[in-house]
Amino acid sequence: MKKYLLATVVCLATMALTVPAASAQSVGGCQLQGTANFSPGLGAGSQPFSYNFGGNLSSCQSSQSGVPLSGTEAAGQTVTEQVHNSVTGATDTVTYQEPIPTGTGGCASSTTSGEALTTWADGSTTVVSYTTSGAAAAVQLSGSVVPSMTLTAVNAQSGDPTTFTISTTRYAGDSASGLLTFQPPDPTACNTSTGVTSATISGGIGLAG
């Protein structure tokens, strides 16, 4: 099946930004494999859309020794946290929403921006702010590691924190870049009223400090 790369896949690349390269003058890279979901679906025309992504980073290599060799990547997803309720004193389980990436375009070309969270195999985290631009079967991503990501509560009770912050603990100050391929289950969906609502994303991403 011919591969199609929706510019929106760029978002995925952004997540992969968190490739291992921790210190100054270090470089590294990982393979990214995951799934993106678009709303509304991407079609032949241009329109605003939002998306989320989840995937795995593997086969990571770095010029620096002792760094994680794998991790997970997420953007626009929800996470569940145990938090202290200031009213009841109890520990509550609250769902928090990551910032939702947005873009403009369709199957032929698009631009996007957002924040992606990498959780490395050793539990460390990297937050990347990114922008992407793509056309046809290729999407390029660029971004930088930022100090933190702020999530918003979905189901907080009175006394629960309404926001939750995840801080970067690895690769602070690095820059990121990536080139990915996008393959929907049915590429002809680009020409339907529903459009492409999900697609697998794969490729290489790199980080340099």
N, C-alpha and C. Protein backbone atom coordinates (compact mmCIF):
# COMPACT_ATOMS: atom_id res chain seq x y z
N MET A 1 0.85 -1.20 0.00
CA MET A 1 0.00 0.00 0.00
C MET A 1 0.88 1.25 0.00
N LYS A 2 0.57 2.16 -0.81
CA LYS A 2 1.35 3.39 -0.88
C LYS A 2 1.22 4.18 0.41
N LYS A 3 2.33 4.71 0.86
CA LYS A 3 2.30 5.48 2.11
C LYS A 3 1.89 6.91 1.84
N TYR A 4 1.04 7.42 2.73
CA TYR A 4 0.63 8.80 2.65
C TYR A 4 1.01 9.46 3.97
N LEU A 5 1.56 10.63 3.86
CA LEU A 5 1.99 11.31 5.06
C LEU A 5 1.16 12.56 5.24
N LEU A 6 0.20 12.54 6.15
CA LEU A 6 -0.58 13.73 6.44
C LEU A 6 0.31 14.65 7.24
N ALA A 7 0.26 15.91 6.87
CA ALA A 7 1.11 16.84 7.57
C ALA A 7 0.83 16.76 9.05
N THR A 8 -0.36 16.36 9.39
CA THR A 8 -0.69 16.27 10.80
C THR A 8 0.21 15.28 11.50
N VAL A 9 0.70 14.35 10.77
CA VAL A 9 1.59 13.38 11.39
C VAL A 9 2.75 14.10 12.02
N VAL A 10 2.92 15.30 11.58
CA VAL A 10 3.98 16.11 12.14
C VAL A 10 3.89 16.09 13.65
N CYS A 11 2.74 16.08 14.13
CA CYS A 11 2.58 16.12 15.56
C CYS A 11 3.33 14.97 16.18
N LEU A 12 3.26 13.84 15.55
CA LEU A 12 3.93 12.68 16.08
C LEU A 12 5.41 12.94 16.13
N ALA A 13 5.89 13.50 15.06
CA ALA A 13 7.32 13.75 15.04
C ALA A 13 7.67 14.58 16.23
N THR A 14 6.84 15.55 16.57
CA THR A 14 7.15 16.41 17.66
C THR A 14 7.32 15.61 18.93
N MET A 15 6.51 14.61 19.11
CA MET A 15 6.64 13.85 20.31
C MET A 15 7.97 13.14 20.32
N ALA A 16 8.33 12.68 19.16
CA ALA A 16 9.58 11.96 19.09
C ALA A 16 10.74 12.88 19.35
N LEU A 17 10.47 14.13 19.40
CA LEU A 17 11.52 15.09 19.64
C LEU A 17 12.36 14.67 20.83
N THR A 18 11.75 13.99 21.74
CA THR A 18 12.45 13.67 22.97
C THR A 18 13.45 12.55 22.81
N VAL A 19 14.13 12.51 21.76
CA VAL A 19 15.14 11.49 21.54
C VAL A 19 16.33 11.73 22.45
N PRO A 20 17.07 10.66 22.85
CA PRO A 20 18.11 10.83 23.83
C PRO A 20 19.32 11.64 23.38
N ALA A 21 19.50 12.77 24.04
CA ALA A 21 20.68 13.57 23.82
C ALA A 21 20.73 14.60 24.92
N ALA A 22 21.28 14.26 26.02
CA ALA A 22 21.08 15.05 27.21
C ALA A 22 21.98 16.25 27.34
N SER A 23 23.23 16.12 27.16
CA SER A 23 24.13 17.20 27.49
C SER A 23 24.46 18.05 26.28
N ALA A 24 25.10 19.18 26.55
CA ALA A 24 25.49 20.07 25.46
C ALA A 24 26.38 19.32 24.48
N GLN A 25 26.21 19.64 23.20
CA GLN A 25 26.98 19.04 22.13
C GLN A 25 26.76 17.53 22.02
N SER A 26 25.64 17.06 22.51
CA SER A 26 25.30 15.64 22.37
C SER A 26 24.23 15.49 21.30
N VAL A 27 24.18 14.31 20.70
CA VAL A 27 23.17 14.04 19.68
C VAL A 27 22.63 12.63 19.89
N GLY A 28 21.41 12.41 19.43
CA GLY A 28 20.82 11.09 19.58
C GLY A 28 19.60 10.94 18.70
N GLY A 29 19.06 9.72 18.67
CA GLY A 29 17.89 9.48 17.84
C GLY A 29 17.17 8.22 18.25
N CYS A 30 15.90 8.15 17.89
CA CYS A 30 15.05 7.00 18.20
C CYS A 30 14.16 6.69 17.00
N GLN A 31 13.64 5.47 16.99
CA GLN A 31 12.59 5.09 16.05
C GLN A 31 11.24 5.28 16.74
N LEU A 32 10.30 5.89 16.05
CA LEU A 32 8.97 6.14 16.60
C LEU A 32 7.93 5.31 15.87
N GLN A 33 7.05 4.68 16.62
CA GLN A 33 5.94 3.91 16.05
C GLN A 33 4.71 4.17 16.90
N GLY A 34 3.61 4.66 16.28
CA GLY A 34 2.42 4.94 17.06
C GLY A 34 1.21 5.21 16.20
N THR A 35 0.17 5.72 16.84
CA THR A 35 -1.10 5.99 16.16
C THR A 35 -1.57 7.40 16.48
N ALA A 36 -2.02 8.11 15.47
CA ALA A 36 -2.59 9.44 15.63
C ALA A 36 -4.08 9.39 15.32
N ASN A 37 -4.85 10.21 16.04
CA ASN A 37 -6.29 10.31 15.83
C ASN A 37 -6.65 11.77 15.56
N PHE A 38 -7.40 12.03 14.49
CA PHE A 38 -7.70 13.38 14.04
C PHE A 38 -9.20 13.71 14.18
N SER A 39 -9.47 14.96 14.54
CA SER A 39 -10.85 15.40 14.65
C SER A 39 -10.96 16.87 14.21
N PRO A 40 -11.77 17.14 13.15
CA PRO A 40 -12.40 16.15 12.27
C PRO A 40 -11.36 15.43 11.42
N GLY A 41 -11.81 14.40 10.70
CA GLY A 41 -10.89 13.65 9.86
C GLY A 41 -10.27 14.51 8.78
N LEU A 42 -9.06 14.15 8.37
CA LEU A 42 -8.37 14.91 7.33
C LEU A 42 -8.90 14.52 5.96
N GLY A 43 -9.18 15.54 5.14
CA GLY A 43 -9.74 15.29 3.82
C GLY A 43 -8.93 15.94 2.72
N ALA A 44 -9.55 16.05 1.56
CA ALA A 44 -8.89 16.62 0.40
C ALA A 44 -8.71 18.13 0.53
N GLY A 45 -9.62 18.78 1.25
CA GLY A 45 -9.55 20.22 1.43
C GLY A 45 -8.82 20.60 2.71
N SER A 46 -8.66 21.90 2.91
CA SER A 46 -7.98 22.41 4.11
C SER A 46 -9.01 22.86 5.14
N GLN A 47 -8.76 22.52 6.41
CA GLN A 47 -9.64 22.92 7.49
C GLN A 47 -8.88 22.82 8.82
N PRO A 48 -9.37 23.51 9.85
CA PRO A 48 -8.75 23.37 11.17
C PRO A 48 -9.05 21.98 11.74
N PHE A 49 -8.13 21.44 12.51
CA PHE A 49 -8.35 20.13 13.15
C PHE A 49 -7.53 20.05 14.43
N SER A 50 -7.88 19.08 15.25
CA SER A 50 -7.09 18.77 16.44
C SER A 50 -6.74 17.29 16.39
N TYR A 51 -5.80 16.87 17.22
CA TYR A 51 -5.42 15.47 17.19
C TYR A 51 -4.78 15.05 18.50
N ASN A 52 -4.68 13.75 18.68
CA ASN A 52 -3.89 13.20 19.78
C ASN A 52 -3.01 12.08 19.22
N PHE A 53 -2.00 11.74 19.99
CA PHE A 53 -1.06 10.73 19.52
C PHE A 53 -0.52 9.93 20.69
N GLY A 54 -0.28 8.65 20.45
CA GLY A 54 0.38 7.81 21.43
C GLY A 54 1.26 6.81 20.71
N GLY A 55 2.46 6.59 21.23
CA GLY A 55 3.36 5.66 20.56
C GLY A 55 4.55 5.29 21.41
N ASN A 56 5.43 4.51 20.80
CA ASN A 56 6.62 4.01 21.48
C ASN A 56 7.89 4.48 20.78
N LEU A 57 8.91 4.78 21.58
CA LEU A 57 10.24 5.07 21.07
C LEU A 57 11.12 3.87 21.34
N SER A 58 11.88 3.43 20.35
CA SER A 58 12.72 2.25 20.50
C SER A 58 14.02 2.43 19.73
N SER A 59 14.95 1.50 19.96
CA SER A 59 16.24 1.50 19.26
C SER A 59 16.95 2.85 19.36
N CYS A 60 16.84 3.47 20.52
CA CYS A 60 17.46 4.78 20.71
C CYS A 60 18.98 4.66 20.79
N GLN A 61 19.66 5.61 20.18
CA GLN A 61 21.11 5.68 20.22
C GLN A 61 21.52 7.09 20.58
N SER A 62 22.64 7.22 21.27
CA SER A 62 23.07 8.53 21.72
C SER A 62 24.58 8.59 21.79
N SER A 63 25.11 9.81 21.63
CA SER A 63 26.54 10.02 21.80
C SER A 63 26.92 10.02 23.27
N GLN A 64 25.92 10.01 24.13
CA GLN A 64 26.16 10.00 25.56
C GLN A 64 25.79 8.64 26.13
N SER A 65 26.61 8.10 27.00
CA SER A 65 26.36 6.79 27.59
C SER A 65 25.39 6.89 28.76
N GLY A 66 24.71 5.78 29.04
CA GLY A 66 23.85 5.70 30.21
C GLY A 66 22.49 6.33 30.07
N VAL A 67 22.06 6.65 28.86
CA VAL A 67 20.74 7.25 28.66
C VAL A 67 19.72 6.16 28.35
N PRO A 68 18.43 6.42 28.58
CA PRO A 68 17.39 5.42 28.28
C PRO A 68 17.37 5.05 26.80
N LEU A 69 17.10 3.80 26.52
CA LEU A 69 17.09 3.31 25.15
C LEU A 69 15.68 3.18 24.58
N SER A 70 14.67 3.50 25.39
CA SER A 70 13.28 3.40 24.92
C SER A 70 12.41 4.31 25.77
N GLY A 71 11.16 4.47 25.32
CA GLY A 71 10.21 5.31 26.06
C GLY A 71 8.87 5.32 25.37
N THR A 72 7.97 6.12 25.89
CA THR A 72 6.65 6.29 25.28
C THR A 72 6.45 7.76 24.94
N GLU A 73 5.61 8.02 23.94
CA GLU A 73 5.36 9.38 23.47
C GLU A 73 3.87 9.65 23.48
N ALA A 74 3.48 10.84 23.94
CA ALA A 74 2.06 11.17 24.00
C ALA A 74 1.85 12.65 23.76
N ALA A 75 0.73 12.96 23.09
CA ALA A 75 0.31 14.34 22.88
C ALA A 75 -1.21 14.37 22.83
N GLY A 76 -1.81 15.30 23.56
CA GLY A 76 -3.26 15.44 23.53
C GLY A 76 -4.01 14.32 24.21
N GLN A 77 -3.35 13.54 25.07
CA GLN A 77 -4.01 12.44 25.75
C GLN A 77 -4.34 12.80 27.19
N THR A 78 -4.98 11.88 27.90
CA THR A 78 -5.29 12.08 29.31
C THR A 78 -4.40 11.19 30.17
N VAL A 79 -4.12 11.67 31.37
CA VAL A 79 -3.35 10.88 32.34
C VAL A 79 -4.09 10.89 33.66
N THR A 80 -3.94 9.83 34.43
CA THR A 80 -4.59 9.72 35.73
C THR A 80 -3.55 9.89 36.83
N GLU A 81 -3.85 10.76 37.81
CA GLU A 81 -2.91 11.05 38.88
C GLU A 81 -3.59 10.95 40.24
N GLN A 82 -2.81 10.57 41.24
CA GLN A 82 -3.26 10.57 42.63
C GLN A 82 -2.92 11.93 43.23
N VAL A 83 -3.93 12.67 43.69
CA VAL A 83 -3.70 14.02 44.20
C VAL A 83 -4.35 14.20 45.58
N HIS A 84 -3.86 15.19 46.30
CA HIS A 84 -4.39 15.49 47.63
C HIS A 84 -5.55 16.46 47.53
N ASN A 85 -6.67 16.12 48.16
CA ASN A 85 -7.84 17.00 48.20
C ASN A 85 -7.72 17.93 49.40
N SER A 86 -7.68 19.23 49.13
CA SER A 86 -7.47 20.21 50.20
C SER A 86 -8.68 20.38 51.11
N VAL A 87 -9.84 19.90 50.69
CA VAL A 87 -11.07 20.03 51.49
C VAL A 87 -11.27 18.82 52.39
N THR A 88 -11.18 17.64 51.81
CA THR A 88 -11.44 16.41 52.57
C THR A 88 -10.18 15.80 53.18
N GLY A 89 -9.03 16.17 52.63
CA GLY A 89 -7.79 15.58 53.10
C GLY A 89 -7.52 14.21 52.50
N ALA A 90 -8.41 13.74 51.66
CA ALA A 90 -8.28 12.41 51.07
C ALA A 90 -7.37 12.46 49.84
N THR A 91 -6.94 11.28 49.41
CA THR A 91 -6.20 11.15 48.15
C THR A 91 -7.19 10.76 47.06
N ASP A 92 -7.36 11.62 46.08
CA ASP A 92 -8.32 11.39 45.01
C ASP A 92 -7.61 10.99 43.72
N THR A 93 -8.32 10.23 42.91
CA THR A 93 -7.83 9.88 41.58
C THR A 93 -8.47 10.82 40.57
N VAL A 94 -7.66 11.62 39.91
CA VAL A 94 -8.17 12.64 39.00
C VAL A 94 -7.56 12.44 37.61
N THR A 95 -8.39 12.61 36.59
CA THR A 95 -7.93 12.54 35.21
C THR A 95 -7.60 13.94 34.71
N TYR A 96 -6.43 14.08 34.12
CA TYR A 96 -5.99 15.38 33.59
C TYR A 96 -5.75 15.28 32.09
N GLN A 97 -6.12 16.35 31.39
CA GLN A 97 -5.99 16.42 29.94
C GLN A 97 -4.71 17.15 29.54
N GLU A 98 -3.88 16.48 28.72
CA GLU A 98 -2.73 17.16 28.15
C GLU A 98 -3.19 18.22 27.16
N PRO A 99 -2.39 19.26 26.91
CA PRO A 99 -2.74 20.24 25.87
C PRO A 99 -3.00 19.51 24.54
N ILE A 100 -4.06 19.91 23.86
CA ILE A 100 -4.44 19.24 22.62
C ILE A 100 -3.80 19.94 21.42
N PRO A 101 -2.98 19.24 20.66
CA PRO A 101 -2.35 19.86 19.48
C PRO A 101 -3.40 20.24 18.43
N THR A 102 -3.12 21.29 17.69
CA THR A 102 -4.03 21.75 16.64
C THR A 102 -3.27 21.96 15.35
N GLY A 103 -4.03 22.01 14.25
CA GLY A 103 -3.40 22.24 12.96
C GLY A 103 -4.39 22.77 11.95
N THR A 104 -3.90 23.07 10.78
CA THR A 104 -4.74 23.49 9.65
C THR A 104 -4.23 22.79 8.40
N GLY A 105 -5.15 22.22 7.62
CA GLY A 105 -4.75 21.57 6.39
C GLY A 105 -5.57 20.33 6.12
N GLY A 106 -4.97 19.39 5.40
CA GLY A 106 -5.64 18.15 5.04
C GLY A 106 -4.64 17.10 4.64
N CYS A 107 -5.07 16.15 3.83
CA CYS A 107 -4.20 15.06 3.43
C CYS A 107 -3.01 15.54 2.59
N ALA A 108 -3.21 16.58 1.80
CA ALA A 108 -2.14 17.02 0.90
C ALA A 108 -1.06 17.81 1.60
N SER A 109 -1.44 18.67 2.54
CA SER A 109 -0.46 19.48 3.26
C SER A 109 -1.10 20.03 4.53
N SER A 110 -0.27 20.35 5.51
CA SER A 110 -0.79 20.89 6.76
C SER A 110 0.33 21.48 7.59
N THR A 111 -0.07 22.28 8.56
CA THR A 111 0.85 22.78 9.58
C THR A 111 0.21 22.53 10.93
N THR A 112 1.03 22.22 11.95
CA THR A 112 0.50 21.95 13.28
C THR A 112 1.42 22.54 14.33
N SER A 113 0.90 22.60 15.56
CA SER A 113 1.72 22.99 16.70
C SER A 113 1.14 22.34 17.95
N GLY A 114 1.99 22.15 18.94
CA GLY A 114 1.51 21.53 20.17
C GLY A 114 2.64 21.23 21.13
N GLU A 115 2.32 20.43 22.14
CA GLU A 115 3.30 19.98 23.12
C GLU A 115 3.22 18.46 23.21
N ALA A 116 4.38 17.83 23.35
CA ALA A 116 4.44 16.37 23.45
C ALA A 116 5.22 15.98 24.70
N LEU A 117 4.79 14.87 25.31
CA LEU A 117 5.43 14.39 26.53
C LEU A 117 6.07 13.03 26.27
N THR A 118 7.36 12.93 26.56
CA THR A 118 8.05 11.64 26.49
C THR A 118 8.31 11.17 27.91
N THR A 119 7.93 9.93 28.17
CA THR A 119 8.25 9.28 29.43
C THR A 119 9.26 8.18 29.13
N TRP A 120 10.49 8.34 29.63
CA TRP A 120 11.56 7.41 29.33
C TRP A 120 11.48 6.17 30.21
N ALA A 121 12.20 5.14 29.79
CA ALA A 121 12.15 3.85 30.47
C ALA A 121 12.58 3.94 31.93
N ASP A 122 13.40 4.93 32.27
CA ASP A 122 13.86 5.08 33.66
C ASP A 122 12.96 5.99 34.48
N GLY A 123 11.81 6.44 33.88
CA GLY A 123 10.86 7.28 34.60
C GLY A 123 11.09 8.77 34.42
N SER A 124 12.17 9.16 33.80
CA SER A 124 12.41 10.58 33.54
C SER A 124 11.48 11.07 32.43
N THR A 125 11.30 12.38 32.34
CA THR A 125 10.34 12.93 31.38
C THR A 125 10.95 14.09 30.60
N THR A 126 10.44 14.28 29.39
CA THR A 126 10.86 15.38 28.53
C THR A 126 9.62 15.98 27.87
N VAL A 127 9.48 17.30 27.97
CA VAL A 127 8.36 18.01 27.34
C VAL A 127 8.90 18.83 26.17
N VAL A 128 8.28 18.67 25.01
CA VAL A 128 8.73 19.37 23.81
C VAL A 128 7.60 20.25 23.26
N SER A 129 7.93 21.49 22.97
CA SER A 129 7.03 22.38 22.24
C SER A 129 7.46 22.35 20.78
N TYR A 130 6.49 22.16 19.86
CA TYR A 130 6.89 21.94 18.48
C TYR A 130 5.95 22.59 17.46
N THR A 131 6.46 22.72 16.27
CA THR A 131 5.66 23.09 15.10
C THR A 131 6.04 22.14 13.98
N THR A 132 5.10 21.94 13.05
CA THR A 132 5.39 21.04 11.94
C THR A 132 4.84 21.62 10.64
N SER A 133 5.42 21.16 9.56
CA SER A 133 4.92 21.47 8.23
C SER A 133 5.16 20.25 7.36
N GLY A 134 4.18 19.93 6.53
CA GLY A 134 4.34 18.73 5.73
C GLY A 134 3.54 18.80 4.45
N ALA A 135 3.91 17.93 3.54
CA ALA A 135 3.22 17.82 2.27
C ALA A 135 3.39 16.39 1.76
N ALA A 136 2.29 15.86 1.23
CA ALA A 136 2.31 14.52 0.63
C ALA A 136 2.91 13.51 1.60
N ALA A 137 4.00 12.86 1.20
CA ALA A 137 4.50 11.73 1.98
C ALA A 137 5.62 12.09 2.93
N ALA A 138 5.81 13.33 3.25
CA ALA A 138 6.89 13.69 4.17
C ALA A 138 6.46 14.85 5.06
N VAL A 139 6.85 14.76 6.32
CA VAL A 139 6.57 15.83 7.27
C VAL A 139 7.83 16.11 8.07
N GLN A 140 8.16 17.37 8.19
CA GLN A 140 9.31 17.75 8.98
C GLN A 140 8.86 18.44 10.26
N LEU A 141 9.55 18.12 11.34
CA LEU A 141 9.22 18.68 12.63
C LEU A 141 10.41 19.40 13.23
N SER A 142 10.11 20.49 13.93
CA SER A 142 11.16 21.19 14.66
C SER A 142 10.59 21.66 15.97
N GLY A 143 11.42 21.71 16.99
CA GLY A 143 10.94 22.13 18.29
C GLY A 143 12.06 22.22 19.29
N SER A 144 11.68 22.42 20.55
CA SER A 144 12.66 22.55 21.61
C SER A 144 12.09 21.99 22.91
N VAL A 145 12.96 21.51 23.75
CA VAL A 145 12.55 21.01 25.06
C VAL A 145 12.23 22.20 25.96
N VAL A 146 11.06 22.16 26.61
CA VAL A 146 10.62 23.24 27.49
C VAL A 146 10.55 22.74 28.93
N PRO A 147 10.48 23.65 29.90
CA PRO A 147 10.56 23.25 31.31
C PRO A 147 9.44 22.35 31.79
N SER A 148 8.20 22.53 31.28
CA SER A 148 7.09 21.77 31.85
C SER A 148 5.88 21.79 30.94
N MET A 149 4.91 20.94 31.27
CA MET A 149 3.60 20.88 30.60
C MET A 149 2.53 20.97 31.68
N THR A 150 1.53 21.82 31.48
CA THR A 150 0.43 21.95 32.42
C THR A 150 -0.82 21.28 31.87
N LEU A 151 -1.36 20.33 32.64
CA LEU A 151 -2.57 19.60 32.26
C LEU A 151 -3.76 20.13 33.03
N THR A 152 -4.95 20.01 32.46
CA THR A 152 -6.18 20.53 33.07
C THR A 152 -7.07 19.38 33.52
N ALA A 153 -7.62 19.49 34.72
CA ALA A 153 -8.45 18.43 35.29
C ALA A 153 -9.71 18.22 34.48
N VAL A 154 -10.08 16.95 34.29
CA VAL A 154 -11.30 16.59 33.58
C VAL A 154 -12.43 16.31 34.56
N ASN A 155 -12.11 15.69 35.69
CA ASN A 155 -13.16 15.24 36.62
C ASN A 155 -12.83 15.59 38.07
N ALA A 156 -12.21 16.74 38.31
CA ALA A 156 -11.82 17.11 39.67
C ALA A 156 -13.04 17.41 40.54
N GLN A 157 -12.97 16.98 41.79
CA GLN A 157 -13.97 17.34 42.77
C GLN A 157 -13.53 18.62 43.49
N SER A 158 -14.44 19.21 44.25
CA SER A 158 -14.10 20.40 45.02
C SER A 158 -12.95 20.08 45.96
N GLY A 159 -11.89 20.88 45.87
CA GLY A 159 -10.71 20.65 46.69
C GLY A 159 -9.58 19.96 45.96
N ASP A 160 -9.86 19.34 44.81
CA ASP A 160 -8.81 18.73 44.01
C ASP A 160 -8.11 19.80 43.19
N PRO A 161 -6.82 19.65 42.94
CA PRO A 161 -6.12 20.60 42.06
C PRO A 161 -6.75 20.60 40.66
N THR A 162 -6.99 21.78 40.12
CA THR A 162 -7.61 21.88 38.79
C THR A 162 -6.58 21.76 37.68
N THR A 163 -5.31 21.85 38.03
CA THR A 163 -4.24 21.65 37.05
C THR A 163 -3.17 20.73 37.63
N PHE A 164 -2.40 20.13 36.76
CA PHE A 164 -1.31 19.24 37.17
C PHE A 164 -0.13 19.51 36.25
N THR A 165 1.04 19.72 36.82
CA THR A 165 2.22 20.08 36.03
C THR A 165 3.22 18.93 35.99
N ILE A 166 3.69 18.61 34.78
CA ILE A 166 4.74 17.61 34.60
C ILE A 166 5.98 18.34 34.13
N SER A 167 7.07 18.19 34.86
CA SER A 167 8.30 18.92 34.56
C SER A 167 9.27 18.09 33.74
N THR A 168 10.06 18.76 32.92
CA THR A 168 11.14 18.10 32.19
C THR A 168 12.25 17.76 33.16
N THR A 169 12.65 16.49 33.18
CA THR A 169 13.74 16.05 34.05
C THR A 169 14.92 15.49 33.25
N ARG A 170 14.80 15.48 31.92
CA ARG A 170 15.90 14.98 31.08
C ARG A 170 15.93 15.77 29.77
N TYR A 171 17.11 16.11 29.31
CA TYR A 171 17.34 16.77 28.02
C TYR A 171 16.85 18.22 27.98
N ALA A 172 16.88 18.90 29.12
CA ALA A 172 16.47 20.30 29.17
C ALA A 172 17.32 21.14 28.22
N GLY A 173 16.65 22.02 27.47
CA GLY A 173 17.34 22.94 26.58
C GLY A 173 17.72 22.40 25.22
N ASP A 174 17.45 21.13 24.96
CA ASP A 174 17.80 20.54 23.66
C ASP A 174 16.83 20.98 22.57
N SER A 175 17.25 20.83 21.33
CA SER A 175 16.37 21.06 20.18
C SER A 175 16.02 19.72 19.56
N ALA A 176 14.92 19.70 18.81
CA ALA A 176 14.45 18.44 18.24
C ALA A 176 14.10 18.61 16.76
N SER A 177 14.20 17.49 16.04
CA SER A 177 13.81 17.46 14.63
C SER A 177 13.43 16.04 14.27
N GLY A 178 12.61 15.90 13.23
CA GLY A 178 12.18 14.56 12.86
C GLY A 178 11.61 14.52 11.45
N LEU A 179 11.64 13.33 10.88
CA LEU A 179 11.03 13.07 9.58
C LEU A 179 10.26 11.76 9.70
N LEU A 180 8.95 11.82 9.47
CA LEU A 180 8.08 10.67 9.68
C LEU A 180 7.28 10.32 8.43
N THR A 181 6.73 9.11 8.45
CA THR A 181 5.80 8.70 7.40
C THR A 181 4.45 8.38 8.02
N PHE A 182 3.41 8.68 7.29
CA PHE A 182 2.05 8.55 7.77
C PHE A 182 1.28 7.59 6.88
N GLN A 183 0.64 6.58 7.48
CA GLN A 183 -0.07 5.59 6.67
C GLN A 183 -1.44 5.29 7.26
N PRO A 184 -2.51 5.85 6.68
CA PRO A 184 -3.86 5.54 7.14
C PRO A 184 -4.26 4.14 6.71
N PRO A 185 -5.19 3.52 7.43
CA PRO A 185 -5.66 2.18 7.05
C PRO A 185 -6.22 2.16 5.63
N ASP A 186 -6.88 3.26 5.24
CA ASP A 186 -7.47 3.35 3.91
C ASP A 186 -7.19 4.73 3.34
N PRO A 187 -6.13 4.89 2.54
CA PRO A 187 -5.77 6.20 2.00
C PRO A 187 -6.89 6.86 1.19
N THR A 188 -7.81 6.07 0.63
CA THR A 188 -8.90 6.67 -0.15
C THR A 188 -9.87 7.44 0.72
N ALA A 189 -9.77 7.28 2.05
CA ALA A 189 -10.65 8.01 2.96
C ALA A 189 -10.44 9.51 2.86
N CYS A 190 -9.29 9.93 2.34
CA CYS A 190 -9.03 11.36 2.14
C CYS A 190 -10.09 12.00 1.25
N ASN A 191 -10.71 11.21 0.40
CA ASN A 191 -11.69 11.74 -0.56
C ASN A 191 -13.13 11.50 -0.13
N THR A 192 -13.33 11.14 1.13
CA THR A 192 -14.67 10.92 1.65
C THR A 192 -15.08 12.05 2.59
N SER A 193 -16.36 12.11 2.93
CA SER A 193 -16.85 13.15 3.83
C SER A 193 -16.32 12.97 5.25
N THR A 194 -16.03 11.75 5.64
CA THR A 194 -15.51 11.48 6.99
C THR A 194 -14.03 11.82 7.09
N GLY A 195 -13.28 11.57 6.02
CA GLY A 195 -11.86 11.83 6.02
C GLY A 195 -11.08 10.77 6.78
N VAL A 196 -9.80 10.99 6.92
CA VAL A 196 -8.91 10.08 7.65
C VAL A 196 -8.95 10.44 9.13
N THR A 197 -9.50 9.55 9.94
CA THR A 197 -9.64 9.83 11.37
C THR A 197 -8.52 9.22 12.22
N SER A 198 -7.75 8.27 11.67
CA SER A 198 -6.63 7.71 12.39
C SER A 198 -5.59 7.20 11.41
N ALA A 199 -4.36 7.08 11.88
CA ALA A 199 -3.29 6.61 11.01
C ALA A 199 -2.11 6.16 11.86
N THR A 200 -1.35 5.20 11.34
CA THR A 200 -0.12 4.81 12.01
C THR A 200 0.98 5.78 11.59
N ILE A 201 1.88 6.05 12.54
CA ILE A 201 2.98 6.97 12.29
C ILE A 201 4.29 6.26 12.64
N SER A 202 5.27 6.40 11.76
CA SER A 202 6.56 5.78 12.04
C SER A 202 7.66 6.61 11.40
N GLY A 203 8.86 6.47 11.92
CA GLY A 203 9.98 7.19 11.36
C GLY A 203 11.06 7.44 12.39
N GLY A 204 11.99 8.30 12.03
CA GLY A 204 13.10 8.61 12.92
C GLY A 204 13.02 10.02 13.43
N ILE A 205 13.42 10.20 14.69
CA ILE A 205 13.43 11.53 15.28
C ILE A 205 14.75 11.70 16.02
N GLY A 206 15.17 12.95 16.16
CA GLY A 206 16.46 13.22 16.78
C GLY A 206 16.42 14.41 17.70
N LEU A 207 17.37 14.43 18.64
CA LEU A 207 17.50 15.51 19.61
C LEU A 207 18.96 15.88 19.72
N ALA A 208 19.22 17.15 19.81
CA ALA A 208 20.60 17.62 19.92
C ALA A 208 20.70 18.75 20.92
N GLY A 209 21.78 18.78 21.67
CA GLY A 209 21.97 19.80 22.67
C GLY A 209 23.26 20.55 22.47
